[in-house]
Protein backbone atom coordinates (compact mmCIF):
# COMPACT_ATOMS: atom_id res chain seq x y z
CA UNK A 1 -7.58 -0.87 26.65
CA UNK A 2 -9.67 -2.62 24.00
CA UNK A 3 -8.36 -5.37 21.79
CA UNK A 4 -8.86 -3.15 18.74
CA UNK A 5 -6.79 -0.36 20.26
CA UNK A 6 -4.02 -2.78 21.11
CA UNK A 7 -4.09 -4.15 17.56
CA UNK A 8 -3.80 -0.65 16.12
CA UNK A 9 -0.89 0.14 18.42
CA UNK A 10 0.80 -3.12 17.42
CA UNK A 11 0.50 -2.24 13.74
CA UNK A 12 1.85 1.24 14.45
CA UNK A 13 4.76 -0.23 16.40
CA UNK A 14 5.60 -2.67 13.59
CA UNK A 15 5.48 0.18 11.08
CA UNK A 16 7.79 2.23 13.30
CA UNK A 17 10.22 -0.69 13.57
CA UNK A 18 10.21 -1.02 9.77
CA UNK A 19 10.97 2.68 9.30
CA UNK A 20 13.64 2.49 12.01
CA UNK A 21 15.28 -0.43 10.21
CA UNK A 22 15.30 1.45 6.91
CA UNK A 23 16.74 4.66 8.37
CA UNK A 24 19.31 2.73 10.39
CA UNK A 25 20.28 0.84 7.26
CA UNK A 26 20.88 4.08 5.39
CA UNK A 27 22.92 5.46 8.27
CA UNK A 28 25.05 2.32 8.47
CA UNK A 29 25.33 1.72 4.73
CA UNK A 30 24.05 -1.78 5.39
CA UNK A 31 20.44 -2.99 5.05
CA UNK A 32 18.94 -3.82 8.44
CA UNK A 33 16.04 -6.27 7.99
CA UNK A 34 14.52 -4.14 5.23
CA UNK A 35 15.72 -2.30 2.16
CA UNK A 36 14.05 -0.73 -0.86
CA UNK A 37 14.69 0.21 -4.48
CA UNK A 38 14.47 3.69 -5.96
CA UNK A 39 14.50 2.91 -9.70
CA UNK A 40 12.58 0.66 -12.07
CA UNK A 41 15.55 -1.55 -12.98
CA UNK A 42 14.03 -4.50 -11.06
CA UNK A 43 10.50 -4.25 -12.46
CA UNK A 44 8.19 -6.13 -12.43
CA UNK A 45 9.74 -7.84 -9.37
CA UNK A 46 10.21 -4.57 -7.48
CA UNK A 47 8.62 -1.26 -8.42
CA UNK A 48 10.29 2.03 -7.45
CA UNK A 49 9.72 2.56 -3.73
CA UNK A 50 9.02 -1.11 -2.99
CA UNK A 51 10.78 -2.63 -0.01
CA UNK A 52 12.03 -6.14 0.55
CA UNK A 53 13.35 -8.26 3.40
CA UNK A 54 17.17 -8.19 3.29
CA UNK A 55 19.39 -10.71 5.07
CA UNK A 56 23.08 -9.79 5.60
CA UNK A 57 25.49 -11.97 3.66
CA UNK A 58 27.03 -13.31 6.87
CA UNK A 59 23.68 -14.97 7.61
CA UNK A 60 22.22 -15.64 4.18
CA UNK A 61 24.44 -18.49 2.99
CA UNK A 62 26.11 -18.90 -0.41
CA UNK A 63 24.94 -16.90 -3.43
CA UNK A 64 23.36 -18.82 -6.29
CA UNK A 65 22.19 -17.86 -9.74
CA UNK A 66 18.74 -16.29 -9.50
CA UNK A 67 19.34 -14.64 -6.11
CA UNK A 68 18.54 -10.94 -5.75
CA UNK A 69 21.47 -9.31 -3.97
CA UNK A 70 22.45 -5.88 -2.65
CA UNK A 71 26.03 -5.02 -3.59
CA UNK A 72 28.36 -2.04 -3.59
CA UNK A 73 28.56 -1.14 -7.25
CA UNK A 74 31.48 0.74 -8.74
CA UNK A 75 29.80 2.19 -11.83
CA UNK A 76 26.11 1.22 -11.95
CA UNK A 77 24.01 4.24 -11.08
CA UNK A 78 27.13 6.21 -10.30
CA UNK A 79 28.24 3.64 -7.71
CA UNK A 80 26.86 2.79 -4.29
CA UNK A 81 24.38 0.18 -3.08
CA UNK A 82 22.57 -1.54 -5.94
CA UNK A 83 19.91 -4.26 -5.90
CA UNK A 84 20.06 -6.60 -8.91
CA UNK A 85 19.76 -10.30 -9.69
CA UNK A 86 22.69 -12.70 -10.04
CA UNK A 87 22.51 -14.15 -13.56
CA UNK A 88 25.85 -15.95 -13.75
CA UNK A 89 29.26 -16.52 -12.24
CA UNK A 90 32.77 -16.31 -13.67
CA UNK A 91 36.22 -16.82 -12.16
CA UNK A 92 36.38 -13.03 -11.73
CA UNK A 93 33.06 -12.71 -9.86
CA UNK A 94 29.29 -12.67 -10.25
CA UNK A 95 27.33 -11.33 -13.23
CA UNK A 96 24.37 -9.17 -12.24
CA UNK A 97 21.41 -7.69 -14.07
CA UNK A 98 18.26 -5.75 -13.30
CA UNK A 99 15.12 -7.68 -14.27
CA UNK A 100 14.01 -4.77 -16.47
CA UNK A 101 17.41 -4.23 -18.08
CA UNK A 102 18.19 -5.70 -21.50
CA UNK A 103 21.80 -6.59 -20.63
CA UNK A 104 24.01 -7.35 -17.65
CA UNK A 105 25.69 -4.71 -15.53
CA UNK A 106 29.02 -6.07 -16.73
CA UNK A 107 28.07 -5.22 -20.32
CA UNK A 108 27.72 -1.63 -19.06
CA UNK A 109 31.33 -1.59 -17.74
CA UNK A 110 30.55 -2.75 -14.19
CA UNK A 111 33.29 -5.22 -13.20
CA UNK A 112 32.16 -8.66 -12.05
CA UNK A 113 30.87 -8.43 -8.48
CA UNK A 114 33.18 -10.06 -5.96
CA UNK A 115 32.32 -11.46 -2.53
CA UNK A 116 33.54 -8.43 -0.53
CA UNK A 117 31.12 -6.22 -2.47
CA UNK A 118 28.06 -8.27 -1.51
CA UNK A 119 26.07 -6.73 1.34
CA UNK A 120 22.75 -8.60 1.63
CA UNK A 121 20.44 -11.02 -0.11
CA UNK A 122 16.69 -10.57 -0.63
CA UNK A 123 14.47 -13.21 0.95
CA UNK A 124 12.61 -15.29 -1.64
CA UNK A 125 9.73 -17.67 -1.03
CA UNK A 126 8.94 -20.10 -3.82
CA UNK A 127 11.32 -18.21 -6.10
CA UNK A 128 9.55 -14.87 -5.55
CA UNK A 129 11.00 -11.93 -3.62
CA UNK A 130 9.10 -11.02 -0.44
CA UNK A 131 7.92 -7.49 -1.31
CA UNK A 132 6.78 -4.74 1.09
CA UNK A 133 4.92 -2.34 -1.25
CA UNK A 134 5.67 1.40 -1.14
CA UNK A 135 7.68 1.33 2.11
CA UNK A 136 10.54 3.16 0.45
CA UNK A 137 8.16 5.85 -0.80
CA UNK A 138 7.08 6.50 2.79
CA UNK A 139 10.65 6.72 4.05
CA UNK A 140 11.74 9.08 1.27
CA UNK A 141 8.70 11.25 1.93
CA UNK A 142 9.66 11.50 5.61
CA UNK A 143 13.25 12.34 4.71
CA UNK A 144 12.12 15.01 2.25
CA UNK A 145 9.91 16.55 4.92
CA UNK A 146 12.64 16.76 7.55
CA UNK A 147 15.11 18.08 4.99
CA UNK A 148 12.64 20.87 4.22
CA UNK A 149 12.34 21.67 7.92
CA UNK A 150 16.13 21.59 8.20
CA UNK A 151 16.60 24.07 5.35
CA UNK A 152 13.99 26.44 6.77
CA UNK A 153 15.54 26.21 10.23
CA UNK A 154 18.99 26.88 8.77
CA UNK A 155 17.65 29.92 6.90
CA UNK A 156 15.91 31.19 10.04
CA UNK A 157 19.11 30.93 12.06
CA UNK A 158 21.20 32.46 9.29
CA UNK A 159 23.51 29.46 8.82
CA UNK A 160 24.15 27.00 6.02
CA UNK A 161 23.48 23.93 8.16
CA UNK A 162 22.54 23.04 11.71
CA UNK A 163 23.00 19.29 11.88
CA UNK A 164 22.90 18.62 8.18
CA UNK A 165 19.70 17.38 6.60
CA UNK A 166 20.44 13.74 7.28
CA UNK A 167 21.66 14.33 10.83
CA UNK A 168 18.56 16.36 11.60
CA UNK A 169 16.42 13.54 10.25
CA UNK A 170 18.08 11.00 12.52
CA UNK A 171 17.74 13.29 15.55
CA UNK A 172 14.07 13.90 14.81
CA UNK A 173 13.48 10.21 14.33
CA UNK A 174 15.19 9.38 17.64
CA UNK A 175 12.99 11.89 19.46
CA UNK A 176 9.92 10.51 17.69
CA UNK A 177 10.90 7.00 18.77
CA UNK A 178 10.99 8.08 22.40
CA UNK A 179 7.74 10.02 22.02
CA UNK A 180 6.01 7.04 20.43
CA UNK A 181 7.15 4.74 23.21
CA UNK A 182 5.84 7.19 25.76
CA UNK A 183 2.49 7.80 24.06
CA UNK A 184 1.59 4.32 22.90
CA UNK A 185 2.65 2.31 25.94
CA UNK A 186 1.29 4.63 28.61
CA UNK A 187 -0.78 2.54 31.05
CA UNK A 188 -4.23 3.90 31.97
CA UNK A 189 -5.22 3.95 35.61
CA UNK A 190 -8.04 1.63 36.67
CA UNK A 191 -10.72 1.62 39.30
CA UNK A 192 -13.92 3.36 40.12
CA UNK A 193 -12.27 6.79 39.94
CA UNK A 194 -10.53 6.16 36.62
CA UNK A 195 -11.18 9.56 35.09
CA UNK A 196 -9.90 11.37 38.18
CA UNK A 197 -6.99 9.04 38.86
CA UNK A 198 -5.70 9.02 35.29
CA UNK A 199 -4.18 12.50 35.52
CA UNK A 200 -2.52 11.48 38.77
CA UNK A 201 -1.40 7.90 38.13
CA UNK A 202 -1.15 7.51 34.36
CA UNK A 203 2.30 7.75 32.91
CA UNK A 204 5.11 5.87 31.34
CA UNK A 205 7.61 3.75 33.17
CA UNK A 206 10.96 5.48 33.40
CA UNK A 207 12.52 2.16 32.44
CA UNK A 208 10.77 2.42 29.08
CA UNK A 209 12.01 5.95 28.45
CA UNK A 210 15.58 5.10 29.49
CA UNK A 211 15.41 1.93 27.38
CA UNK A 212 14.40 3.93 24.29
CA UNK A 213 17.29 6.32 24.86
CA UNK A 214 19.66 3.36 25.34
CA UNK A 215 18.52 2.09 21.94
CA UNK A 216 19.56 5.42 20.40
CA UNK A 217 22.96 5.12 22.12
CA UNK A 218 23.37 1.65 20.61
CA UNK A 219 22.47 2.95 17.14
CA UNK A 220 25.04 5.76 17.40
CA UNK A 221 27.75 3.38 18.66
CA UNK A 222 27.03 0.88 15.89
CA UNK A 223 27.21 3.62 13.27
CA UNK A 224 30.57 4.77 14.65
CA UNK A 225 31.94 1.26 14.13
CA UNK A 226 30.25 0.27 10.87
CA UNK A 227 30.09 3.43 8.76
CA UNK A 228 33.88 4.03 8.44
CA UNK A 229 34.60 0.32 7.90
CA UNK A 230 33.93 -2.01 4.99
CA UNK A 231 35.74 -3.19 1.87
CA UNK A 232 38.25 -1.07 -0.04
CA UNK A 233 39.26 -1.86 -3.63
CA UNK A 234 42.73 -1.39 -5.12
CA UNK A 235 43.01 -1.22 -8.91
CA UNK A 236 46.01 -3.13 -10.24
CA UNK A 237 47.26 -3.12 -13.83
CA UNK A 238 49.66 -5.95 -14.56
CA UNK A 239 51.98 -4.54 -17.21
CA UNK A 240 54.95 -5.82 -19.18
CA UNK A 241 57.01 -2.96 -17.76
CA UNK A 242 56.77 -1.05 -14.47
CA UNK A 243 55.32 2.44 -14.51
CA UNK A 244 55.39 5.31 -12.02
CA UNK A 245 51.62 5.56 -12.21
CA UNK A 246 49.59 4.30 -9.22
CA UNK A 247 48.62 0.65 -9.45
CA UNK A 248 50.64 -0.10 -12.59
CA UNK A 249 52.90 -3.00 -11.64
CA UNK A 250 55.26 -5.09 -13.68
CA UNK A 251 53.74 -8.54 -14.12
CA UNK A 252 54.67 -11.21 -11.58
CA UNK A 253 56.01 -8.59 -9.15
CA UNK A 254 54.78 -6.60 -6.16
CA UNK A 255 54.33 -2.98 -5.15
CA UNK A 256 53.55 -1.33 -1.82
CA UNK A 257 50.78 1.19 -1.17
CA UNK A 258 49.72 3.11 1.93
CA UNK A 259 46.31 2.59 3.51
CA UNK A 260 45.41 5.36 5.97
CA UNK A 261 43.11 4.55 8.90
CA UNK A 262 41.88 7.81 10.48
CA UNK A 263 39.89 8.11 13.70
CA UNK A 264 37.91 11.34 13.73
CA UNK A 265 36.29 10.63 17.09
CA UNK A 266 37.54 11.02 20.63
CA UNK A 267 37.17 7.36 21.60
CA UNK A 268 40.09 5.07 20.58
CA UNK A 269 39.25 2.27 18.16
CA UNK A 270 40.68 -1.19 17.54
CA UNK A 271 41.09 -1.92 13.82
CA UNK A 272 41.47 -5.20 11.94
CA UNK A 273 42.53 -5.31 8.28
CA UNK A 274 41.88 -8.51 6.34
CA UNK A 275 42.89 -9.30 2.74
CA UNK A 276 39.67 -10.27 0.96
CA UNK A 277 41.07 -11.41 -2.37
CA UNK A 278 44.19 -12.95 -3.78
CA UNK A 279 47.20 -10.82 -4.62
CA UNK A 280 47.06 -8.55 -1.57
CA UNK A 281 48.63 -8.47 1.88
CA UNK A 282 48.68 -5.86 4.65
CA UNK A 283 50.77 -5.04 7.71
CA UNK A 284 49.89 -4.52 10.49
CA UNK A 285 46.62 -6.41 10.51
CA UNK A 286 45.56 -5.44 14.04
CA UNK A 287 46.25 -2.13 15.78
CA UNK A 288 44.78 0.60 17.96
CA UNK A 289 44.08 4.15 16.74
CA UNK A 290 43.88 6.84 19.40
CA UNK A 291 41.20 9.52 19.31
CA UNK A 292 41.77 12.24 16.70
CA UNK A 293 44.70 10.27 15.30
CA UNK A 294 45.53 8.09 12.31
CA UNK A 295 47.65 5.03 11.53
CA UNK A 296 49.25 4.13 8.21
CA UNK A 297 49.21 0.48 7.14
CA UNK A 298 51.36 -0.92 4.34
CA UNK A 299 49.49 -2.81 1.63
CA UNK A 300 51.44 -5.15 -0.65
CA UNK A 301 49.84 -5.61 -4.09
CA UNK A 302 50.88 -8.47 -6.36
CA UNK A 303 50.52 -8.51 -10.13
CA UNK A 304 49.90 -11.92 -11.77
CA UNK A 305 52.07 -13.21 -14.61
CA UNK A 306 49.33 -12.33 -17.10
CA UNK A 307 48.91 -8.72 -18.15
CA UNK A 308 45.56 -7.03 -17.61
CA UNK A 309 43.37 -5.16 -15.14
CA UNK A 310 42.70 -6.69 -11.71
CA UNK A 311 41.06 -5.65 -8.46
CA UNK A 312 42.33 -6.41 -4.99
CA UNK A 313 40.10 -6.07 -1.93
CA UNK A 314 40.94 -5.18 1.65
CA UNK A 315 38.26 -5.31 4.38
CA UNK A 316 38.46 -3.03 7.41
CA UNK A 317 36.68 -3.75 10.69
CA UNK A 318 36.80 -1.25 13.53
CA UNK A 319 35.48 -1.35 17.09
CA UNK A 320 35.24 1.20 19.88
CA UNK A 321 37.99 0.41 22.38
CA UNK A 322 35.67 0.18 25.39
CA UNK A 323 36.71 -3.45 25.92
CA UNK A 324 40.31 -4.69 26.33
CA UNK A 325 41.95 -5.22 22.96
CA UNK A 326 42.64 -8.96 23.63
CA UNK A 327 38.93 -9.43 24.39
CA UNK A 328 37.93 -7.72 21.15
CA UNK A 329 40.46 -9.84 19.26
CA UNK A 330 39.10 -13.05 20.78
CA UNK A 331 35.53 -12.15 19.84
CA UNK A 332 36.65 -11.09 16.37
CA UNK A 333 38.30 -14.49 15.89
CA UNK A 334 34.88 -16.12 16.33
CA UNK A 335 32.94 -13.70 14.10
CA UNK A 336 33.44 -10.04 13.09
CA UNK A 337 29.96 -9.18 14.41
CA UNK A 338 30.56 -10.44 17.94
CA UNK A 339 32.64 -7.45 19.12
CA UNK A 340 29.91 -5.08 17.91
CA UNK A 341 27.26 -7.06 19.81
CA UNK A 342 29.38 -7.10 22.97
CA UNK A 343 30.25 -3.39 22.78
CA UNK A 344 26.64 -2.41 22.08
CA UNK A 345 25.49 -4.54 25.02
CA UNK A 346 28.07 -2.91 27.29
CA UNK A 347 27.25 0.66 26.26
CA UNK A 348 23.49 0.21 26.03
CA UNK A 349 23.30 -1.83 29.22
CA UNK A 350 25.47 0.62 31.16
CA UNK A 351 23.41 3.58 29.95
CA UNK A 352 20.20 1.81 30.91
CA UNK A 353 21.36 0.79 34.39
CA UNK A 354 22.82 4.23 35.10
CA UNK A 355 19.67 5.93 33.86
CA UNK A 356 17.40 3.77 35.99
CA UNK A 357 19.65 4.32 39.00
CA UNK A 358 19.45 8.10 38.54
CA UNK A 359 15.74 8.51 37.77
CA UNK A 360 14.41 5.57 39.77
CA UNK A 361 11.57 3.19 38.95
CA UNK A 362 8.74 5.67 38.93
CA UNK A 363 6.64 6.89 36.06
CA UNK A 364 6.91 9.91 33.80
CA UNK A 365 3.71 11.89 34.35
CA UNK A 366 2.01 14.23 31.96
CA UNK A 367 0.19 17.36 32.92
CA UNK A 368 -3.23 17.92 31.46
CA UNK A 369 -3.70 20.12 28.41
CA UNK A 370 -5.62 22.60 30.54
CA UNK A 371 -2.76 23.22 32.95
CA UNK A 372 0.22 22.99 30.64
CA UNK A 373 1.51 26.10 28.99
CA UNK A 374 2.91 26.28 25.47
CA UNK A 375 6.39 25.29 26.56
CA UNK A 376 4.93 22.57 28.76
CA UNK A 377 2.92 21.14 25.88
CA UNK A 378 6.06 20.97 23.76
CA UNK A 379 7.89 19.15 26.52
CA UNK A 380 4.96 16.80 27.05
CA UNK A 381 5.04 15.88 23.40
CA UNK A 382 8.42 14.24 23.92
CA UNK A 383 8.07 13.21 27.58
């Protein structure tokens, strides 16, 4: 294989990793290495569709004025992940603003952004954001294409949905990931009879195929732990008199609320609930939820002596109970990410070892185009 061919394959692989990071980030609700903007609120720093390198808050260090952050907005753009610049800080939280906007988000009724709402911080070099031009445009184009295929497939089968547009996109991407690994890393046979031996000896290591599938298993397991978790905000109104309305509490007193933790899957999960702001407590803080079950936790909200509107934050972390609960608790005590890393390593590693044990250490061979039928060509595309 020539150096030029290897260089092209390397660029293709890096592009695939970038797209994988973006799609995984959307699935998890958390930027993974890369993120992108969809509006012009950050122009001229970031044009619509531009990507940027995003570092999770757990690794990025403290937030300072001038940082570009990704946060879970309550009102900006209808709520959801928003990328804006920090322009100030108050006792109630950070003030944020898009570079192209004439005023802060807080002037448009967005409450000050608190620490639990922060998701990631954009990497800046010399005060400038590291921009990856048009990467978001590519990803949205791919998603639009697979959504179109999904709708046509649903119409053909006479149903409203097959996997859902987004689920179909993730399945197609996972298959494409395996197909790319097979096609790009296939080793050519060598020797004097190269052309004749290639059809017989060329192929992809089964370890590579099983490894790609293990990566998909890890992505699914991570999504099962991360997607349902995250911060939850309670609105509290400190009033001069108590009221039967939700969240209206007499000043300098407390009120209990119920926080429901459902588990829609079949695998039990271990859940940790942590107060992330003042004026809130929860019990229990650690518990196990069986498959297809739910647990109710009691949240105690405190109203300060001063009247007004306040927000209280509770952060939920959940982990698949494939490790003993004391082990998960010990890892969680070091860092909330460690149980996810350990569980992913256990599931992905077990899948990989089992797969290699079942299929052996051979190579996946491809039949020639001349001998493969239509069904065979379809199978060869993915194997």
